[in-house]
Amino acid sequence: MELEPYVSILKRGESEFIEKKSHFLGHALRVSVEDEAFGFIEEIRDFFKDATHNVYAYKLKNGIMRYSDDGEPSGTAGLPVLDVINNMGIVDVVVVVTRYFGGILLGRGGLARAYSRAARDSLIQGQIVTYTPFYVVSLTFDYPVLGKLDNYLMGKVHVIDKIYTDRIEYKLYLRKGTEDAVFSDTVDITSGRCIIDIQGETYLPVSEGKLII
């Protein structure tokens, strides 16, 4: 199956605020399967077991999505959290919002706004990125073209390893879709004396066009 870009978060995100004496805490985590989502939900429930509510929603890139109001009025908690996830275009993520009731009713609209805010803030804190397909490439070439090839590759690839023997081997990440031009230019620079081996594909996080490693 061909890898396609998708938007998710880079790290665990947390948020916290008080609304009319109710204490809201948002927790967001990138996941890839439902078991990971359930595990995170149970982790938060166990840690905040004295909370009034632990509302959750999650969505996977295969289209699976679920939510729970956890005792809040129907449609005021879990669904607003899921709506935030959908509106931000994020997948492979689970969000749990913990609420400690402060004694003042917020009303249906107030609840929806508070749960939405907690979800949005925790996702933003998790750093929204685009997981982008990259090739894992081995590039072998001769010493005389090292400087020229380094200058060319700068900004086009991310080198993850360099091996120096009788020839030089670079192991690198190359963004999918740029390979034709990079490979063609590399062959020209090395006068055809290079070995290019695509060893696999992987997802890497990209933000504002820059690879995050």
Foldseek 3Di string as FASTA:
>chain_A
DDDDKAKAFQAWFWDWDADPQKIKIKIKGFAADVVVQVVVLVVVCVVVVVFPAKWKWAAAPVGDIDTDPRPDPPPQAGVLLVVLCVVVRHHRMMMIMTIHDRPDDLPSVRSSVVNNVRNNRRRVRRPMWMWFKWWWKKKKAADVLVVVLVVVCVPQWAWDDWDDDRIIITTIIGGPPCVVVSVVVVCVSRVNGMDMDGDGMDIFTDDPRHTDD
